PDB file of all heavy atoms in Angstrom:
ATOM      1  N   GLY A   1     149.016 -87.295 -58.692  1.00  0.00           N
ATOM      2  CA  GLY A   1     148.781 -85.850 -58.760  1.00  0.00           C
ATOM      3  C   GLY A   1     149.412 -85.300 -59.998  1.00  0.00           C
ATOM      4  O   GLY A   1     149.869 -86.004 -60.848  1.00  0.00           O
ATOM      5  N   PRO A   2     149.311 -83.946 -60.158  1.00  0.00           N
ATOM      6  CA  PRO A   2     148.752 -82.989 -59.190  1.00  0.00           C
ATOM      7  C   PRO A   2     147.249 -83.045 -59.170  1.00  0.00           C
ATOM      8  O   PRO A   2     146.585 -83.558 -60.078  1.00  0.00           O
ATOM      9  CB  PRO A   2     149.329 -81.653 -59.648  1.00  0.00           C
ATOM     10  CG  PRO A   2     149.377 -81.843 -61.157  1.00  0.00           C
ATOM     11  CD  PRO A   2     149.848 -83.278 -61.397  1.00  0.00           C
ATOM     12  N   TYR A   3     146.663 -82.386 -58.148  1.00  0.00           N
ATOM     13  CA  TYR A   3     145.225 -82.411 -57.946  1.00  0.00           C
ATOM     14  C   TYR A   3     144.628 -80.987 -58.009  1.00  0.00           C
ATOM     15  O   TYR A   3     145.237 -80.035 -57.590  1.00  0.00           O
ATOM     16  CB  TYR A   3     144.871 -83.025 -56.551  1.00  0.00           C
ATOM     17  CG  TYR A   3     145.551 -84.284 -56.236  1.00  0.00           C
ATOM     18  CD1 TYR A   3     146.490 -84.386 -55.235  1.00  0.00           C
ATOM     19  CD2 TYR A   3     145.319 -85.444 -56.991  1.00  0.00           C
ATOM     20  CE1 TYR A   3     147.141 -85.565 -54.892  1.00  0.00           C
ATOM     21  CE2 TYR A   3     146.023 -86.642 -56.693  1.00  0.00           C
ATOM     22  CZ  TYR A   3     146.890 -86.707 -55.658  1.00  0.00           C
ATOM     23  OH  TYR A   3     147.519 -87.888 -55.371  1.00  0.00           O
ATOM     24  N   VAL A   4     143.396 -80.957 -58.500  1.00  0.00           N
ATOM     25  CA  VAL A   4     142.532 -79.842 -58.317  1.00  0.00           C
ATOM     26  C   VAL A   4     141.527 -80.291 -57.248  1.00  0.00           C
ATOM     27  O   VAL A   4     140.822 -81.292 -57.407  1.00  0.00           O
ATOM     28  CB  VAL A   4     141.799 -79.433 -59.591  1.00  0.00           C
ATOM     29  CG1 VAL A   4     140.666 -78.428 -59.322  1.00  0.00           C
ATOM     30  CG2 VAL A   4     142.791 -78.775 -60.560  1.00  0.00           C
ATOM     31  N   LEU A   5     141.345 -79.519 -56.189  1.00  0.00           N
ATOM     32  CA  LEU A   5     140.471 -79.897 -55.134  1.00  0.00           C
ATOM     33  C   LEU A   5     139.169 -79.025 -55.251  1.00  0.00           C
ATOM     34  O   LEU A   5     139.299 -77.802 -55.308  1.00  0.00           O
ATOM     35  CB  LEU A   5     141.111 -79.648 -53.742  1.00  0.00           C
ATOM     36  CG  LEU A   5     142.454 -80.356 -53.466  1.00  0.00           C
ATOM     37  CD1 LEU A   5     142.944 -80.021 -52.008  1.00  0.00           C
ATOM     38  CD2 LEU A   5     142.291 -81.850 -53.677  1.00  0.00           C
ATOM     39  N   ALA A   6     138.022 -79.710 -55.319  1.00  0.00           N
ATOM     40  CA  ALA A   6     136.770 -79.057 -55.365  1.00  0.00           C
ATOM     41  C   ALA A   6     135.981 -79.431 -54.109  1.00  0.00           C
ATOM     42  O   ALA A   6     135.748 -80.607 -53.863  1.00  0.00           O
ATOM     43  CB  ALA A   6     135.978 -79.395 -56.569  1.00  0.00           C
ATOM     44  N   ALA A   7     135.670 -78.455 -53.253  1.00  0.00           N
ATOM     45  CA  ALA A   7     135.153 -78.763 -51.934  1.00  0.00           C
ATOM     46  C   ALA A   7     133.972 -77.895 -51.531  1.00  0.00           C
ATOM     47  O   ALA A   7     133.971 -76.710 -51.800  1.00  0.00           O
ATOM     48  CB  ALA A   7     136.275 -78.547 -50.914  1.00  0.00           C
ATOM     49  N   HIS A   8     133.027 -78.583 -50.939  1.00  0.00           N
ATOM     50  CA  HIS A   8     131.811 -77.878 -50.441  1.00  0.00           C
ATOM     51  C   HIS A   8     131.807 -77.711 -48.967  1.00  0.00           C
ATOM     52  O   HIS A   8     132.227 -78.540 -48.176  1.00  0.00           O
ATOM     53  CB  HIS A   8     130.588 -78.755 -50.845  1.00  0.00           C
ATOM     54  CG  HIS A   8     129.293 -78.193 -50.250  1.00  0.00           C
ATOM     55  ND1 HIS A   8     128.509 -78.902 -49.472  1.00  0.00           N
ATOM     56  CD2 HIS A   8     128.665 -77.006 -50.441  1.00  0.00           C
ATOM     57  CE1 HIS A   8     127.411 -78.195 -49.076  1.00  0.00           C
ATOM     58  NE2 HIS A   8     127.522 -77.062 -49.738  1.00  0.00           N
ATOM     59  N   SER A   9     131.393 -76.506 -48.544  1.00  0.00           N
ATOM     60  CA  SER A   9     131.099 -76.248 -47.103  1.00  0.00           C
ATOM     61  C   SER A   9     132.298 -76.571 -46.245  1.00  0.00           C
ATOM     62  O   SER A   9     133.419 -76.092 -46.493  1.00  0.00           O
ATOM     63  CB  SER A   9     129.844 -77.046 -46.718  1.00  0.00           C
ATOM     64  OG  SER A   9     129.356 -76.579 -45.429  1.00  0.00           O
ATOM     65  N   ALA A  10     132.132 -77.397 -45.206  1.00  0.00           N
ATOM     66  CA  ALA A  10     133.282 -77.798 -44.302  1.00  0.00           C
ATOM     67  C   ALA A  10     134.344 -78.542 -45.012  1.00  0.00           C
ATOM     68  O   ALA A  10     135.499 -78.531 -44.591  1.00  0.00           O
ATOM     69  CB  ALA A  10     132.755 -78.599 -43.154  1.00  0.00           C
ATOM     70  N   GLY A  11     134.018 -79.105 -46.241  1.00  0.00           N
ATOM     71  CA  GLY A  11     135.027 -79.768 -46.983  1.00  0.00           C
ATOM     72  C   GLY A  11     136.086 -78.798 -47.442  1.00  0.00           C
ATOM     73  O   GLY A  11     137.261 -79.150 -47.794  1.00  0.00           O
ATOM     74  N   GLY A  12     135.715 -77.471 -47.581  1.00  0.00           N
ATOM     75  CA  GLY A  12     136.698 -76.460 -47.935  1.00  0.00           C
ATOM     76  C   GLY A  12     137.821 -76.282 -46.921  1.00  0.00           C
ATOM     77  O   GLY A  12     138.996 -76.017 -47.277  1.00  0.00           O
ATOM     78  N   LEU A  13     137.510 -76.575 -45.673  1.00  0.00           N
ATOM     79  CA  LEU A  13     138.563 -76.585 -44.619  1.00  0.00           C
ATOM     80  C   LEU A  13     139.603 -77.665 -44.898  1.00  0.00           C
ATOM     81  O   LEU A  13     140.793 -77.482 -44.753  1.00  0.00           O
ATOM     82  CB  LEU A  13     137.967 -76.679 -43.268  1.00  0.00           C
ATOM     83  CG  LEU A  13     137.038 -75.548 -42.782  1.00  0.00           C
ATOM     84  CD1 LEU A  13     136.372 -75.946 -41.468  1.00  0.00           C
ATOM     85  CD2 LEU A  13     137.774 -74.218 -42.667  1.00  0.00           C
ATOM     86  N   VAL A  14     139.013 -78.819 -45.251  1.00  0.00           N
ATOM     87  CA  VAL A  14     139.904 -79.959 -45.586  1.00  0.00           C
ATOM     88  C   VAL A  14     140.764 -79.696 -46.770  1.00  0.00           C
ATOM     89  O   VAL A  14     141.990 -79.974 -46.797  1.00  0.00           O
ATOM     90  CB  VAL A  14     139.056 -81.241 -45.822  1.00  0.00           C
ATOM     91  CG1 VAL A  14     139.936 -82.476 -46.127  1.00  0.00           C
ATOM     92  CG2 VAL A  14     138.115 -81.484 -44.652  1.00  0.00           C
ATOM     93  N   ALA A  15     140.152 -79.133 -47.830  1.00  0.00           N
ATOM     94  CA  ALA A  15     140.954 -78.835 -49.071  1.00  0.00           C
ATOM     95  C   ALA A  15     142.072 -77.855 -48.813  1.00  0.00           C
ATOM     96  O   ALA A  15     143.187 -78.045 -49.221  1.00  0.00           O
ATOM     97  CB  ALA A  15     139.962 -78.337 -50.155  1.00  0.00           C
ATOM     98  N   ARG A  16     141.756 -76.796 -48.073  1.00  0.00           N
ATOM     99  CA  ARG A  16     142.753 -75.803 -47.797  1.00  0.00           C
ATOM    100  C   ARG A  16     143.838 -76.282 -46.870  1.00  0.00           C
ATOM    101  O   ARG A  16     145.068 -75.973 -47.139  1.00  0.00           O
ATOM    102  CB  ARG A  16     142.117 -74.535 -47.283  1.00  0.00           C
ATOM    103  CG  ARG A  16     141.254 -73.766 -48.246  1.00  0.00           C
ATOM    104  CD  ARG A  16     140.459 -72.651 -47.597  1.00  0.00           C
ATOM    105  NE  ARG A  16     141.336 -71.814 -46.839  1.00  0.00           N
ATOM    106  CZ  ARG A  16     140.944 -71.166 -45.747  1.00  0.00           C
ATOM    107  NH1 ARG A  16     139.674 -71.343 -45.236  1.00  0.00           N
ATOM    108  NH2 ARG A  16     141.748 -70.423 -45.080  1.00  0.00           N
ATOM    109  N   LEU A  17     143.553 -77.068 -45.863  1.00  0.00           N
ATOM    110  CA  LEU A  17     144.536 -77.613 -45.020  1.00  0.00           C
ATOM    111  C   LEU A  17     145.412 -78.610 -45.769  1.00  0.00           C
ATOM    112  O   LEU A  17     146.664 -78.748 -45.584  1.00  0.00           O
ATOM    113  CB  LEU A  17     143.903 -78.233 -43.753  1.00  0.00           C
ATOM    114  CG  LEU A  17     144.875 -78.688 -42.662  1.00  0.00           C
ATOM    115  CD1 LEU A  17     145.776 -77.538 -42.221  1.00  0.00           C
ATOM    116  CD2 LEU A  17     144.159 -79.297 -41.499  1.00  0.00           C
ATOM    117  N   TYR A  18     144.744 -79.389 -46.625  1.00  0.00           N
ATOM    118  CA  TYR A  18     145.592 -80.369 -47.450  1.00  0.00           C
ATOM    119  C   TYR A  18     146.503 -79.626 -48.315  1.00  0.00           C
ATOM    120  O   TYR A  18     147.689 -79.997 -48.397  1.00  0.00           O
ATOM    121  CB  TYR A  18     144.558 -81.198 -48.346  1.00  0.00           C
ATOM    122  CG  TYR A  18     145.250 -82.336 -48.999  1.00  0.00           C
ATOM    123  CD1 TYR A  18     145.105 -83.647 -48.419  1.00  0.00           C
ATOM    124  CD2 TYR A  18     145.988 -82.212 -50.147  1.00  0.00           C
ATOM    125  CE1 TYR A  18     145.755 -84.731 -49.047  1.00  0.00           C
ATOM    126  CE2 TYR A  18     146.639 -83.233 -50.733  1.00  0.00           C
ATOM    127  CZ  TYR A  18     146.465 -84.528 -50.218  1.00  0.00           C
ATOM    128  OH  TYR A  18     147.140 -85.637 -50.810  1.00  0.00           O
ATOM    129  N   ALA A  19     146.108 -78.519 -48.909  1.00  0.00           N
ATOM    130  CA  ALA A  19     146.992 -77.764 -49.785  1.00  0.00           C
ATOM    131  C   ALA A  19     148.151 -77.105 -49.019  1.00  0.00           C
ATOM    132  O   ALA A  19     149.222 -76.973 -49.516  1.00  0.00           O
ATOM    133  CB  ALA A  19     146.212 -76.670 -50.517  1.00  0.00           C
ATOM    134  N   SER A  20     147.882 -76.720 -47.757  1.00  0.00           N
ATOM    135  CA  SER A  20     148.925 -76.189 -46.929  1.00  0.00           C
ATOM    136  C   SER A  20     149.890 -77.260 -46.502  1.00  0.00           C
ATOM    137  O   SER A  20     151.106 -77.053 -46.490  1.00  0.00           O
ATOM    138  CB  SER A  20     148.358 -75.524 -45.622  1.00  0.00           C
ATOM    139  OG  SER A  20     147.640 -74.363 -45.992  1.00  0.00           O
ATOM    140  N   ASN A  21     149.392 -78.454 -46.209  1.00  0.00           N
ATOM    141  CA  ASN A  21     150.251 -79.531 -45.813  1.00  0.00           C
ATOM    142  C   ASN A  21     151.066 -80.137 -46.955  1.00  0.00           C
ATOM    143  O   ASN A  21     152.226 -80.615 -46.778  1.00  0.00           O
ATOM    144  CB  ASN A  21     149.424 -80.657 -45.129  1.00  0.00           C
ATOM    145  CG  ASN A  21     148.931 -80.323 -43.763  1.00  0.00           C
ATOM    146  OD1 ASN A  21     149.201 -79.242 -43.299  1.00  0.00           O
ATOM    147  ND2 ASN A  21     148.271 -81.246 -43.136  1.00  0.00           N
ATOM    148  N   TYR A  22     150.458 -80.157 -48.139  1.00  0.00           N
ATOM    149  CA  TYR A  22     151.109 -80.819 -49.351  1.00  0.00           C
ATOM    150  C   TYR A  22     151.071 -79.891 -50.487  1.00  0.00           C
ATOM    151  O   TYR A  22     150.379 -80.088 -51.484  1.00  0.00           O
ATOM    152  CB  TYR A  22     150.370 -82.121 -49.648  1.00  0.00           C
ATOM    153  CG  TYR A  22     150.267 -83.098 -48.505  1.00  0.00           C
ATOM    154  CD1 TYR A  22     149.084 -83.205 -47.763  1.00  0.00           C
ATOM    155  CD2 TYR A  22     151.343 -83.821 -48.114  1.00  0.00           C
ATOM    156  CE1 TYR A  22     148.984 -84.069 -46.651  1.00  0.00           C
ATOM    157  CE2 TYR A  22     151.321 -84.675 -46.996  1.00  0.00           C
ATOM    158  CZ  TYR A  22     150.101 -84.784 -46.292  1.00  0.00           C
ATOM    159  OH  TYR A  22     150.045 -85.634 -45.160  1.00  0.00           O
ATOM    160  N   PRO A  23     151.805 -78.775 -50.411  1.00  0.00           N
ATOM    161  CA  PRO A  23     151.754 -77.749 -51.423  1.00  0.00           C
ATOM    162  C   PRO A  23     152.155 -78.176 -52.817  1.00  0.00           C
ATOM    163  O   PRO A  23     151.731 -77.582 -53.824  1.00  0.00           O
ATOM    164  CB  PRO A  23     152.715 -76.686 -50.916  1.00  0.00           C
ATOM    165  CG  PRO A  23     153.634 -77.379 -49.961  1.00  0.00           C
ATOM    166  CD  PRO A  23     152.830 -78.463 -49.351  1.00  0.00           C
ATOM    167  N   ASP A  24     153.011 -79.204 -52.909  1.00  0.00           N
ATOM    168  CA  ASP A  24     153.423 -79.664 -54.298  1.00  0.00           C
ATOM    169  C   ASP A  24     152.363 -80.466 -54.951  1.00  0.00           C
ATOM    170  O   ASP A  24     152.428 -80.644 -56.172  1.00  0.00           O
ATOM    171  CB  ASP A  24     154.677 -80.543 -54.146  1.00  0.00           C
ATOM    172  CG  ASP A  24     155.913 -79.774 -53.664  1.00  0.00           C
ATOM    173  OD1 ASP A  24     155.932 -78.537 -53.874  1.00  0.00           O
ATOM    174  OD2 ASP A  24     156.832 -80.392 -53.115  1.00  0.00           O
ATOM    175  N   ASP A  25     151.297 -80.877 -54.244  1.00  0.00           N
ATOM    176  CA  ASP A  25     150.314 -81.769 -54.743  1.00  0.00           C
ATOM    177  C   ASP A  25     149.078 -81.090 -55.315  1.00  0.00           C
ATOM    178  O   ASP A  25     148.282 -81.648 -56.076  1.00  0.00           O
ATOM    179  CB  ASP A  25     149.850 -82.829 -53.702  1.00  0.00           C
ATOM    180  CG  ASP A  25     150.990 -83.761 -53.302  1.00  0.00           C
ATOM    181  OD1 ASP A  25     151.995 -83.766 -53.945  1.00  0.00           O
ATOM    182  OD2 ASP A  25     150.813 -84.456 -52.310  1.00  0.00           O
ATOM    183  N   VAL A  26     148.856 -79.835 -54.925  1.00  0.00           N
ATOM    184  CA  VAL A  26     147.630 -79.109 -55.242  1.00  0.00           C
ATOM    185  C   VAL A  26     147.919 -77.957 -56.146  1.00  0.00           C
ATOM    186  O   VAL A  26     148.659 -77.088 -55.850  1.00  0.00           O
ATOM    187  CB  VAL A  26     146.915 -78.635 -53.951  1.00  0.00           C
ATOM    188  CG1 VAL A  26     145.594 -77.955 -54.327  1.00  0.00           C
ATOM    189  CG2 VAL A  26     146.642 -79.809 -53.008  1.00  0.00           C
ATOM    190  N   VAL A  27     147.265 -77.983 -57.342  1.00  0.00           N
ATOM    191  CA  VAL A  27     147.534 -76.942 -58.351  1.00  0.00           C
ATOM    192  C   VAL A  27     146.315 -76.062 -58.716  1.00  0.00           C
ATOM    193  O   VAL A  27     146.394 -75.138 -59.512  1.00  0.00           O
ATOM    194  CB  VAL A  27     148.120 -77.571 -59.627  1.00  0.00           C
ATOM    195  CG1 VAL A  27     149.518 -78.127 -59.382  1.00  0.00           C
ATOM    196  CG2 VAL A  27     147.188 -78.682 -60.162  1.00  0.00           C
ATOM    197  N   GLY A  28     145.191 -76.369 -58.079  1.00  0.00           N
ATOM    198  CA  GLY A  28     143.971 -75.606 -58.366  1.00  0.00           C
ATOM    199  C   GLY A  28     142.911 -75.939 -57.324  1.00  0.00           C
ATOM    200  O   GLY A  28     142.991 -76.991 -56.664  1.00  0.00           O
ATOM    201  N   MET A  29     141.906 -75.064 -57.224  1.00  0.00           N
ATOM    202  CA  MET A  29     140.930 -75.251 -56.189  1.00  0.00           C
ATOM    203  C   MET A  29     139.586 -74.544 -56.590  1.00  0.00           C
ATOM    204  O   MET A  29     139.581 -73.499 -57.171  1.00  0.00           O
ATOM    205  CB  MET A  29     141.424 -74.710 -54.854  1.00  0.00           C
ATOM    206  CG  MET A  29     140.633 -75.207 -53.606  1.00  0.00           C
ATOM    207  SD  MET A  29     141.405 -74.653 -52.049  1.00  0.00           S
ATOM    208  CE  MET A  29     143.027 -75.420 -52.165  1.00  0.00           C
ATOM    209  N   VAL A  30     138.490 -75.225 -56.246  1.00  0.00           N
ATOM    210  CA  VAL A  30     137.162 -74.676 -56.358  1.00  0.00           C
ATOM    211  C   VAL A  30     136.478 -74.771 -54.980  1.00  0.00           C
ATOM    212  O   VAL A  30     136.360 -75.922 -54.477  1.00  0.00           O
ATOM    213  CB  VAL A  30     136.310 -75.302 -57.424  1.00  0.00           C
ATOM    214  CG1 VAL A  30     134.924 -74.684 -57.407  1.00  0.00           C
ATOM    215  CG2 VAL A  30     136.912 -75.109 -58.822  1.00  0.00           C
ATOM    216  N   LEU A  31     136.096 -73.679 -54.354  1.00  0.00           N
ATOM    217  CA  LEU A  31     135.485 -73.713 -53.053  1.00  0.00           C
ATOM    218  C   LEU A  31     134.003 -73.379 -53.214  1.00  0.00           C
ATOM    219  O   LEU A  31     133.651 -72.313 -53.728  1.00  0.00           O
ATOM    220  CB  LEU A  31     136.175 -72.674 -52.147  1.00  0.00           C
ATOM    221  CG  LEU A  31     137.642 -72.930 -51.832  1.00  0.00           C
ATOM    222  CD1 LEU A  31     138.217 -71.826 -50.916  1.00  0.00           C
ATOM    223  CD2 LEU A  31     137.846 -74.286 -51.139  1.00  0.00           C
ATOM    224  N   VAL A  32     133.185 -74.378 -52.870  1.00  0.00           N
ATOM    225  CA  VAL A  32     131.747 -74.254 -53.143  1.00  0.00           C
ATOM    226  C   VAL A  32     131.061 -73.920 -51.858  1.00  0.00           C
ATOM    227  O   VAL A  32     130.809 -74.755 -50.990  1.00  0.00           O
ATOM    228  CB  VAL A  32     131.220 -75.612 -53.678  1.00  0.00           C
ATOM    229  CG1 VAL A  32     129.745 -75.569 -54.008  1.00  0.00           C
ATOM    230  CG2 VAL A  32     132.034 -76.067 -54.916  1.00  0.00           C
ATOM    231  N   ASP A  33     130.714 -72.629 -51.694  1.00  0.00           N
ATOM    232  CA  ASP A  33     130.127 -72.113 -50.452  1.00  0.00           C
ATOM    233  C   ASP A  33     130.862 -72.692 -49.269  1.00  0.00           C
ATOM    234  O   ASP A  33     130.225 -73.200 -48.298  1.00  0.00           O
ATOM    235  CB  ASP A  33     128.634 -72.410 -50.370  1.00  0.00           C
ATOM    236  CG  ASP A  33     127.869 -71.222 -49.784  1.00  0.00           C
ATOM    237  OD1 ASP A  33     128.193 -70.071 -50.036  1.00  0.00           O
ATOM    238  OD2 ASP A  33     126.892 -71.463 -48.981  1.00  0.00           O
ATOM    239  N   SER A  34     132.158 -72.577 -49.284  1.00  0.00           N
ATOM    240  CA  SER A  34     132.994 -73.199 -48.295  1.00  0.00           C
ATOM    241  C   SER A  34     133.005 -72.462 -46.973  1.00  0.00           C
ATOM    242  O   SER A  34     132.852 -71.236 -46.885  1.00  0.00           O
ATOM    243  CB  SER A  34     134.468 -73.206 -48.841  1.00  0.00           C
ATOM    244  OG  SER A  34     135.368 -73.670 -47.870  1.00  0.00           O
ATOM    245  N   THR A  35     133.189 -73.210 -45.920  1.00  0.00           N
ATOM    246  CA  THR A  35     133.276 -72.698 -44.584  1.00  0.00           C
ATOM    247  C   THR A  35     134.543 -71.839 -44.402  1.00  0.00           C
ATOM    248  O   THR A  35     135.653 -72.354 -44.720  1.00  0.00           O
ATOM    249  CB  THR A  35     133.306 -73.787 -43.517  1.00  0.00           C
ATOM    250  OG1 THR A  35     132.076 -74.625 -43.693  1.00  0.00           O
ATOM    251  CG2 THR A  35     133.361 -73.255 -42.097  1.00  0.00           C
ATOM    252  N   ASN A  36     134.397 -70.660 -43.896  1.00  0.00           N
ATOM    253  CA  ASN A  36     135.531 -69.782 -43.565  1.00  0.00           C
ATOM    254  C   ASN A  36     135.839 -70.018 -42.097  1.00  0.00           C
ATOM    255  O   ASN A  36     134.959 -70.013 -41.249  1.00  0.00           O
ATOM    256  CB  ASN A  36     135.188 -68.326 -43.867  1.00  0.00           C
ATOM    257  CG  ASN A  36     136.356 -67.385 -43.636  1.00  0.00           C
ATOM    258  OD1 ASN A  36     137.009 -67.368 -42.593  1.00  0.00           O
ATOM    259  ND2 ASN A  36     136.748 -66.662 -44.658  1.00  0.00           N
ATOM    260  N   GLU A  37     137.149 -70.175 -41.769  1.00  0.00           N
ATOM    261  CA  GLU A  37     137.512 -70.548 -40.426  1.00  0.00           C
ATOM    262  C   GLU A  37     137.103 -69.434 -39.416  1.00  0.00           C
ATOM    263  O   GLU A  37     137.144 -69.687 -38.187  1.00  0.00           O
ATOM    264  CB  GLU A  37     138.976 -70.865 -40.340  1.00  0.00           C
ATOM    265  CG  GLU A  37     139.957 -69.669 -40.589  1.00  0.00           C
ATOM    266  CD  GLU A  37     140.169 -69.439 -42.102  1.00  0.00           C
ATOM    267  OE1 GLU A  37     139.468 -69.978 -42.952  1.00  0.00           O
ATOM    268  OE2 GLU A  37     141.130 -68.668 -42.443  1.00  0.00           O
ATOM    269  N   ASN A  38     136.833 -68.254 -39.885  1.00  0.00           N
ATOM    270  CA  ASN A  38     136.496 -67.167 -38.961  1.00  0.00           C
ATOM    271  C   ASN A  38     135.031 -66.732 -38.990  1.00  0.00           C
ATOM    272  O   ASN A  38     134.676 -65.813 -38.269  1.00  0.00           O
ATOM    273  CB  ASN A  38     137.343 -65.912 -39.306  1.00  0.00           C
ATOM    274  CG  ASN A  38     138.841 -66.152 -39.082  1.00  0.00           C
ATOM    275  OD1 ASN A  38     139.225 -66.821 -38.139  1.00  0.00           O
ATOM    276  ND2 ASN A  38     139.671 -65.736 -40.049  1.00  0.00           N
ATOM    277  N   VAL A  39     134.196 -67.433 -39.691  1.00  0.00           N
ATOM    278  CA  VAL A  39     132.798 -66.987 -39.821  1.00  0.00           C
ATOM    279  C   VAL A  39     132.078 -67.065 -38.521  1.00  0.00           C
ATOM    280  O   VAL A  39     131.308 -66.132 -38.172  1.00  0.00           O
ATOM    281  CB  VAL A  39     132.042 -67.733 -40.943  1.00  0.00           C
ATOM    282  CG1 VAL A  39     131.805 -69.226 -40.513  1.00  0.00           C
ATOM    283  CG2 VAL A  39     130.785 -67.089 -41.303  1.00  0.00           C
ATOM    284  N   TRP A  40     132.314 -68.100 -37.701  1.00  0.00           N
ATOM    285  CA  TRP A  40     131.623 -68.207 -36.422  1.00  0.00           C
ATOM    286  C   TRP A  40     132.113 -67.176 -35.389  1.00  0.00           C
ATOM    287  O   TRP A  40     131.362 -66.667 -34.556  1.00  0.00           O
ATOM    288  CB  TRP A  40     131.700 -69.580 -35.815  1.00  0.00           C
ATOM    289  CG  TRP A  40     130.945 -70.607 -36.684  1.00  0.00           C
ATOM    290  CD1 TRP A  40     129.689 -70.501 -37.108  1.00  0.00           C
ATOM    291  CD2 TRP A  40     131.472 -71.818 -37.183  1.00  0.00           C
ATOM    292  NE1 TRP A  40     129.343 -71.602 -37.904  1.00  0.00           N
ATOM    293  CE2 TRP A  40     130.346 -72.449 -37.924  1.00  0.00           C
ATOM    294  CE3 TRP A  40     132.636 -72.523 -37.039  1.00  0.00           C
ATOM    295  CZ2 TRP A  40     130.528 -73.697 -38.518  1.00  0.00           C
ATOM    296  CZ3 TRP A  40     132.816 -73.776 -37.686  1.00  0.00           C
ATOM    297  CH2 TRP A  40     131.714 -74.336 -38.412  1.00  0.00           C
ATOM    298  N   ARG A  41     133.376 -66.863 -35.499  1.00  0.00           N
ATOM    299  CA  ARG A  41     133.902 -65.731 -34.701  1.00  0.00           C
ATOM    300  C   ARG A  41     133.191 -64.455 -35.031  1.00  0.00           C
ATOM    301  O   ARG A  41     132.785 -63.672 -34.110  1.00  0.00           O
ATOM    302  CB  ARG A  41     135.408 -65.617 -34.942  1.00  0.00           C
ATOM    303  CG  ARG A  41     136.095 -64.508 -34.121  1.00  0.00           C
ATOM    304  CD  ARG A  41     137.485 -64.196 -34.643  1.00  0.00           C
ATOM    305  NE  ARG A  41     137.389 -63.650 -36.034  1.00  0.00           N
ATOM    306  CZ  ARG A  41     138.443 -63.399 -36.799  1.00  0.00           C
ATOM    307  NH1 ARG A  41     139.646 -63.699 -36.321  1.00  0.00           N
ATOM    308  NH2 ARG A  41     138.308 -62.893 -37.983  1.00  0.00           N
ATOM    309  N   ASP A  42     133.004 -64.168 -36.333  1.00  0.00           N
ATOM    310  CA  ASP A  42     132.251 -62.952 -36.746  1.00  0.00           C
ATOM    311  C   ASP A  42     130.848 -62.981 -36.330  1.00  0.00           C
ATOM    312  O   ASP A  42     130.236 -61.982 -35.949  1.00  0.00           O
ATOM    313  CB  ASP A  42     132.423 -62.763 -38.208  1.00  0.00           C
ATOM    314  CG  ASP A  42     133.850 -62.524 -38.631  1.00  0.00           C
ATOM    315  OD1 ASP A  42     134.706 -62.203 -37.792  1.00  0.00           O
ATOM    316  OD2 ASP A  42     134.246 -62.740 -39.848  1.00  0.00           O
ATOM    317  N   PHE A  43     130.202 -64.217 -36.394  1.00  0.00           N
ATOM    318  CA  PHE A  43     128.830 -64.280 -35.966  1.00  0.00           C
ATOM    319  C   PHE A  43     128.741 -63.900 -34.459  1.00  0.00           C
ATOM    320  O   PHE A  43     127.869 -63.162 -34.013  1.00  0.00           O
ATOM    321  CB  PHE A  43     128.326 -65.697 -36.129  1.00  0.00           C
ATOM    322  CG  PHE A  43     127.771 -66.055 -37.450  1.00  0.00           C
ATOM    323  CD1 PHE A  43     128.054 -65.241 -38.541  1.00  0.00           C
ATOM    324  CD2 PHE A  43     126.988 -67.188 -37.624  1.00  0.00           C
ATOM    325  CE1 PHE A  43     127.488 -65.545 -39.803  1.00  0.00           C
ATOM    326  CE2 PHE A  43     126.409 -67.475 -38.894  1.00  0.00           C
ATOM    327  CZ  PHE A  43     126.700 -66.622 -39.966  1.00  0.00           C
ATOM    328  N   ARG A  44     129.674 -64.465 -33.686  1.00  0.00           N
ATOM    329  CA  ARG A  44     129.590 -64.192 -32.248  1.00  0.00           C
ATOM    330  C   ARG A  44     129.775 -62.719 -31.871  1.00  0.00           C
ATOM    331  O   ARG A  44     129.157 -62.218 -30.996  1.00  0.00           O
ATOM    332  CB  ARG A  44     130.746 -65.037 -31.521  1.00  0.00           C
ATOM    333  CG  ARG A  44     130.742 -64.965 -30.010  1.00  0.00           C
ATOM    334  CD  ARG A  44     131.681 -65.943 -29.384  1.00  0.00           C
ATOM    335  NE  ARG A  44     133.056 -65.752 -29.847  1.00  0.00           N
ATOM    336  CZ  ARG A  44     134.048 -66.563 -29.448  1.00  0.00           C
ATOM    337  NH1 ARG A  44     133.830 -67.572 -28.753  1.00  0.00           N
ATOM    338  NH2 ARG A  44     135.270 -66.338 -29.938  1.00  0.00           N
TER     339      ARG A  44
END
């Protein structure tokens, strides 16, 4: 590391959780039409 995480769709959930779990390892991020954890709640 350190890493820049570039993540598409549901991969964005993985990237963000990884950065929360390992904050020292992630220094940048690109979210490519990433899934928001609340979007289905808002749809409902």
